Protein backbone atom coordinates (compact mmCIF):
# COMPACT_ATOMS: atom_id res chain seq x y z
CA MET A 1 0.00 0.00 0.00
CA SER A 2 2.93 2.34 0.65
CA LEU A 3 3.73 2.33 -3.06
CA PHE A 4 0.13 2.72 -4.25
CA ARG A 5 -0.40 5.80 -2.08
CA HIS A 6 1.96 7.74 -4.37
CA ILE A 7 -0.04 7.02 -7.56
CA PRO A 8 -2.28 10.13 -7.29
CA ASN A 9 0.72 12.45 -6.92
CA PHE A 10 2.45 10.70 -9.81
CA LEU A 11 -0.61 11.37 -12.00
CA THR A 12 -0.61 14.99 -10.85
CA LEU A 13 3.07 15.40 -11.70
CA LEU A 14 2.42 13.83 -15.10
CA ASN A 15 -0.30 16.44 -15.58
CA LEU A 16 2.26 19.13 -14.71
CA CYS A 17 4.89 17.74 -17.11
CA LEU A 18 2.44 17.52 -20.00
CA GLY A 19 1.26 21.02 -19.12
CA VAL A 20 4.82 22.36 -19.46
CA ILE A 21 5.14 20.68 -22.86
CA GLY A 22 1.75 22.05 -23.84
CA ALA A 23 2.81 25.55 -22.78
CA SER A 24 5.91 25.23 -24.95
CA GLU A 25 3.81 24.13 -27.93
CA ALA A 26 1.38 26.99 -27.34
CA ALA A 27 4.20 29.56 -27.19
CA LEU A 28 5.43 28.28 -30.56
CA GLY A 29 1.98 28.69 -32.05
CA ARG A 30 1.27 24.96 -32.33
CA LEU A 31 -2.24 25.31 -30.95
CA HIS A 32 -3.52 21.92 -32.06
CA ASN A 33 -0.71 20.12 -30.22
CA ALA A 34 -1.31 22.26 -27.14
CA TRP A 35 -5.03 21.41 -27.23
CA TYR A 36 -4.41 17.66 -27.36
CA LEU A 37 -1.90 17.89 -24.52
CA MET A 38 -4.32 19.95 -22.44
CA LEU A 39 -7.03 17.36 -23.06
CA LEU A 40 -4.70 14.69 -21.63
CA CYS A 41 -4.03 16.98 -18.68
CA GLY A 42 -7.77 17.25 -18.11
CA ILE A 43 -8.12 13.46 -18.04
CA LEU A 44 -5.21 13.20 -15.59
CA ASP A 45 -6.74 15.94 -13.43
CA LEU A 46 -9.90 13.85 -13.08
CA ALA A 47 -7.95 10.62 -12.60
CA ASP A 48 -5.66 11.77 -9.78
CA GLY A 49 -8.55 12.90 -7.62
CA PHE A 50 -10.58 9.76 -8.33
CA VAL A 51 -7.63 7.49 -7.49
CA ALA A 52 -6.84 9.48 -4.32
CA ARG A 53 -10.42 9.07 -3.09
CA TRP A 54 -10.49 5.40 -4.11
CA LEU A 55 -7.25 4.66 -2.22
CA ASN A 56 -8.25 7.02 0.61
CA VAL A 57 -4.94 8.89 0.38
CA ILE A 58 -6.17 12.48 0.10
CA THR A 59 -3.50 14.77 1.58
CA PRO A 60 -2.97 18.56 1.85
CA ILE A 61 0.23 18.21 -0.20
CA GLY A 62 -1.65 16.40 -2.95
CA LYS A 63 -4.27 19.15 -3.01
CA GLU A 64 -1.69 21.93 -3.31
CA LEU A 65 0.29 19.99 -5.92
CA ASP A 66 -2.88 19.50 -7.95
CA SER A 67 -3.50 23.25 -7.99
CA LEU A 68 0.07 24.00 -9.07
CA ALA A 69 -0.25 21.53 -11.95
CA ASP A 70 -3.63 22.97 -12.98
CA LEU A 71 -2.24 26.50 -12.97
CA VAL A 72 0.38 25.50 -15.54
CA SER A 73 -1.81 23.21 -17.64
CA PHE A 74 -5.01 25.29 -17.70
CA GLY A 75 -3.76 28.79 -16.91
CA VAL A 76 -0.30 29.32 -18.40
CA THR A 77 -0.80 27.14 -21.49
CA PRO A 78 -3.92 28.93 -22.83
CA ALA A 79 -2.37 32.30 -21.96
CA LEU A 80 0.69 31.52 -24.07
CA ALA A 81 -1.54 30.25 -26.87
CA LEU A 82 -3.46 33.52 -26.86
CA MET A 83 -0.31 35.60 -26.52
CA SER A 84 1.42 33.97 -29.49
CA THR A 85 -1.76 34.16 -31.58
CA MET A 86 -2.42 37.84 -30.85
CA ARG A 87 1.21 38.70 -31.57
CA GLU A 88 0.90 37.07 -34.97
CA LEU A 89 -2.43 38.76 -35.64
CA GLY A 90 -1.01 42.05 -34.39
CA SER A 91 1.76 41.94 -36.98
CA LEU A 92 -0.93 41.57 -39.64
CA SER A 93 -2.98 44.48 -38.32
CA SER A 94 -0.09 46.88 -37.66
CA ASN A 95 -1.26 49.10 -40.50
CA SER A 96 -4.63 49.76 -38.87
CA LEU A 97 -3.61 49.91 -35.20
CA ASN A 98 -1.07 51.96 -33.34
CA ASN A 99 2.19 49.99 -33.12
CA GLN A 100 2.50 50.51 -29.36
CA ILE A 101 -1.00 49.14 -28.79
CA VAL A 102 -0.27 46.18 -31.05
CA HIS A 103 2.74 45.22 -28.94
CA LEU A 104 0.90 45.66 -25.62
CA ILE A 105 -2.39 43.90 -26.37
CA PRO A 106 -1.00 40.31 -26.22
CA PHE A 107 0.06 40.87 -22.60
CA ILE A 108 -3.62 41.04 -21.65
CA SER A 109 -3.37 37.24 -21.77
CA VAL A 110 -1.73 37.25 -18.31
CA ILE A 111 -5.17 37.99 -16.85
CA LEU A 112 -6.11 34.38 -17.58
CA PRO A 113 -3.45 32.62 -15.42
CA ALA A 114 -3.91 35.27 -12.72
CA SER A 115 -7.65 34.50 -12.60
CA THR A 116 -6.87 30.78 -12.68
CA ALA A 117 -4.54 31.14 -9.68
CA LEU A 118 -7.20 33.04 -7.70
CA ARG A 119 -9.82 30.47 -8.68
CA LEU A 120 -7.63 27.55 -7.52
CA ALA A 121 -6.60 29.30 -4.27
CA ARG A 122 -10.25 29.94 -3.45
CA PHE A 123 -11.08 26.31 -4.22
CA ASN A 124 -8.40 25.03 -1.82
CA HIS A 125 -9.82 27.02 1.07
CA ASP A 126 -13.53 26.58 0.45
CA PRO A 127 -14.87 23.33 1.98
CA ASN A 128 -18.23 23.82 0.26
CA GLN A 129 -16.61 23.17 -3.12
CA SER A 130 -16.40 19.48 -2.34
CA LYS A 131 -20.12 19.45 -3.22
CA TRP A 132 -20.19 22.05 -5.99
CA PHE A 133 -17.79 24.36 -7.81
CA ARG A 134 -17.86 28.10 -7.30
CA GLY A 135 -17.02 29.67 -10.64
CA LEU A 136 -15.96 28.02 -13.88
CA PRO A 137 -13.37 25.24 -13.24
CA SER A 138 -9.91 25.95 -14.64
CA PRO A 139 -9.79 22.85 -16.93
CA ALA A 140 -13.03 23.92 -18.61
CA SER A 141 -11.72 27.46 -19.00
CA GLY A 142 -8.36 26.35 -20.41
CA LEU A 143 -9.76 23.87 -22.92
CA PHE A 144 -12.36 26.34 -24.12
CA ALA A 145 -9.76 29.12 -24.42
CA ILE A 146 -7.53 27.17 -26.80
CA SER A 147 -10.48 25.75 -28.77
CA PHE A 148 -11.86 29.26 -29.17
CA THR A 149 -8.46 30.60 -30.20
CA ILE A 150 -8.16 27.95 -32.93
CA TRP A 151 -11.63 28.93 -34.15
CA VAL A 152 -10.75 32.66 -34.12
CA VAL A 153 -7.63 32.08 -36.24
CA ASP A 154 -9.80 30.54 -38.98
CA LEU A 155 -12.47 33.24 -38.68
CA ASN A 156 -13.18 35.07 -41.92
CA THR A 157 -12.60 38.60 -40.70
CA SER A 158 -9.80 41.13 -40.23
CA ALA A 159 -6.85 40.54 -37.92
CA SER A 160 -7.88 43.54 -35.79
CA VAL A 161 -11.32 42.07 -35.13
CA LYS A 162 -9.77 38.69 -34.25
CA VAL A 163 -7.54 40.35 -31.66
CA LEU A 164 -10.50 42.14 -30.08
CA VAL A 165 -12.47 38.88 -29.98
CA CYS A 166 -9.56 37.19 -28.18
CA VAL A 167 -9.41 40.01 -25.62
CA ALA A 168 -13.15 39.77 -25.01
CA MET A 169 -12.87 36.00 -24.53
CA ILE A 170 -10.06 36.43 -21.96
CA LEU A 171 -12.14 38.88 -19.92
CA ILE A 172 -15.30 36.75 -20.09
CA LEU A 173 -13.55 33.52 -19.07
CA SER A 174 -11.74 35.27 -16.23
CA ALA A 175 -15.01 36.75 -15.00
CA PHE A 176 -16.70 33.33 -15.09
CA MET A 177 -13.85 31.71 -13.14
CA LEU A 178 -14.07 34.32 -10.39
CA SER A 179 -17.86 34.57 -10.36
CA PRO A 180 -20.00 33.11 -7.53
CA ILE A 181 -21.95 30.97 -9.99
CA ARG A 182 -22.47 27.40 -8.73
CA LEU A 183 -21.54 24.59 -11.11
CA ALA A 184 -21.63 20.84 -10.69
CA SER A 185 -18.59 19.22 -9.11
CA LEU A 186 -17.18 16.42 -11.24
CA LYS A 187 -16.11 14.44 -8.18
CA ILE A 188 -17.86 11.07 -8.10
CA LYS A 189 -18.74 9.85 -4.60
CA SER A 190 -20.26 6.58 -3.49
CA ASN A 191 -23.19 8.21 -1.70
CA SER A 192 -24.62 9.81 -4.85
CA ARG A 193 -25.27 7.21 -7.53
CA ILE A 194 -27.60 9.44 -9.54
CA LYS A 195 -24.98 12.19 -9.67
CA ALA A 196 -22.35 9.61 -10.67
CA ILE A 197 -24.54 8.41 -13.55
CA ILE A 198 -25.11 11.98 -14.72
CA ILE A 199 -21.38 12.79 -14.65
CA LEU A 200 -20.44 9.55 -16.42
CA ALA A 201 -23.08 10.28 -19.09
CA LEU A 202 -21.69 13.81 -19.47
CA SER A 203 -18.17 12.38 -19.88
CA LEU A 204 -19.35 9.86 -22.48
CA ILE A 205 -21.24 12.45 -24.52
CA SER A 206 -18.26 14.83 -24.28
CA GLY A 207 -15.96 12.10 -25.61
CA ILE A 208 -18.30 11.47 -28.55
CA LEU A 209 -18.53 15.19 -29.32
CA ILE A 210 -14.73 15.54 -29.23
CA TYR A 211 -14.40 12.56 -31.59
CA ILE A 212 -16.93 14.04 -34.03
CA LEU A 213 -16.31 17.80 -33.74
CA ASN A 214 -12.69 17.81 -32.55
CA PHE A 215 -11.84 21.38 -31.41
CA GLY A 216 -15.38 22.53 -32.16
CA ALA A 217 -16.72 20.41 -29.30
CA ALA A 218 -15.64 22.90 -26.61
CA LEU A 219 -18.67 25.21 -26.85
CA PRO A 220 -21.42 22.53 -26.86
CA ILE A 221 -19.66 20.68 -24.02
CA LEU A 222 -19.44 23.90 -21.98
CA LEU A 223 -23.13 24.66 -22.59
CA MET A 224 -24.03 21.07 -21.68
CA TYR A 225 -22.01 21.42 -18.47
CA PHE A 226 -23.97 24.53 -17.48
CA ILE A 227 -27.29 22.73 -18.13
CA VAL A 228 -26.19 19.63 -16.21
CA SER A 229 -25.12 21.86 -13.31
CA ILE A 230 -28.67 23.17 -13.00
CA PHE A 231 -30.04 19.61 -12.77
CA VAL A 232 -27.35 18.50 -10.29
CA HIS A 233 -27.98 21.57 -8.13
CA GLN A 234 -31.71 20.79 -8.07
CA LEU A 235 -30.92 17.14 -7.30
CA MET A 236 -28.76 18.11 -4.31
CA ASN A 237 -31.52 20.36 -2.95
CA THR A 238 -34.21 17.69 -3.26
CA THR A 239 -32.08 14.96 -1.66
CA LYS A 240 -31.10 16.93 1.44
């Protein structure tokens, strides 16, 4: 058992390592590679918590380590993806925008990891979030950010408009992460079979959507998550 108790932290560290690689890919403008790596990080983020609860080895160190890994994988990686994309778009729109503004706009991306850090710190010190999430979870924010960025790059409009759309998306996602909105926790516990079935169904449908729509699956999955959260919240109130 002494060896098995380290499995959750190993999965968390693997999440961190893949997040660093994903951040490197994002900085180089390889958004598709960064998206796939972030998706793996999301799977590992679910797995480490599930294994820790299954083995009953939940520790404060594991919780803090998980947040550090999530900050890199779902905060820094999408920020670098947006920064590299807006820099490239800015070079294309330099004729229509002031050069100083063009060079400064990409740095707005740092708002995303800053909001992610605040979101994770609040999560670690809020016992109520074992039942529900307060604000948009960082994995959902990160995956949507890169998916949206890939979509924006292919958008049939001017580079200046694309940059403004990216800025708007950064502000909206950051606001959602720090908002008091209650969303369903994806932690499966033995005392809530109905919730477990709902979450497993959500995961299965999400996998199918990713297989069919690839990067375009982010928006429908996010909308589905919001809808499911309403049902789970009602379920928790009726089963009290």
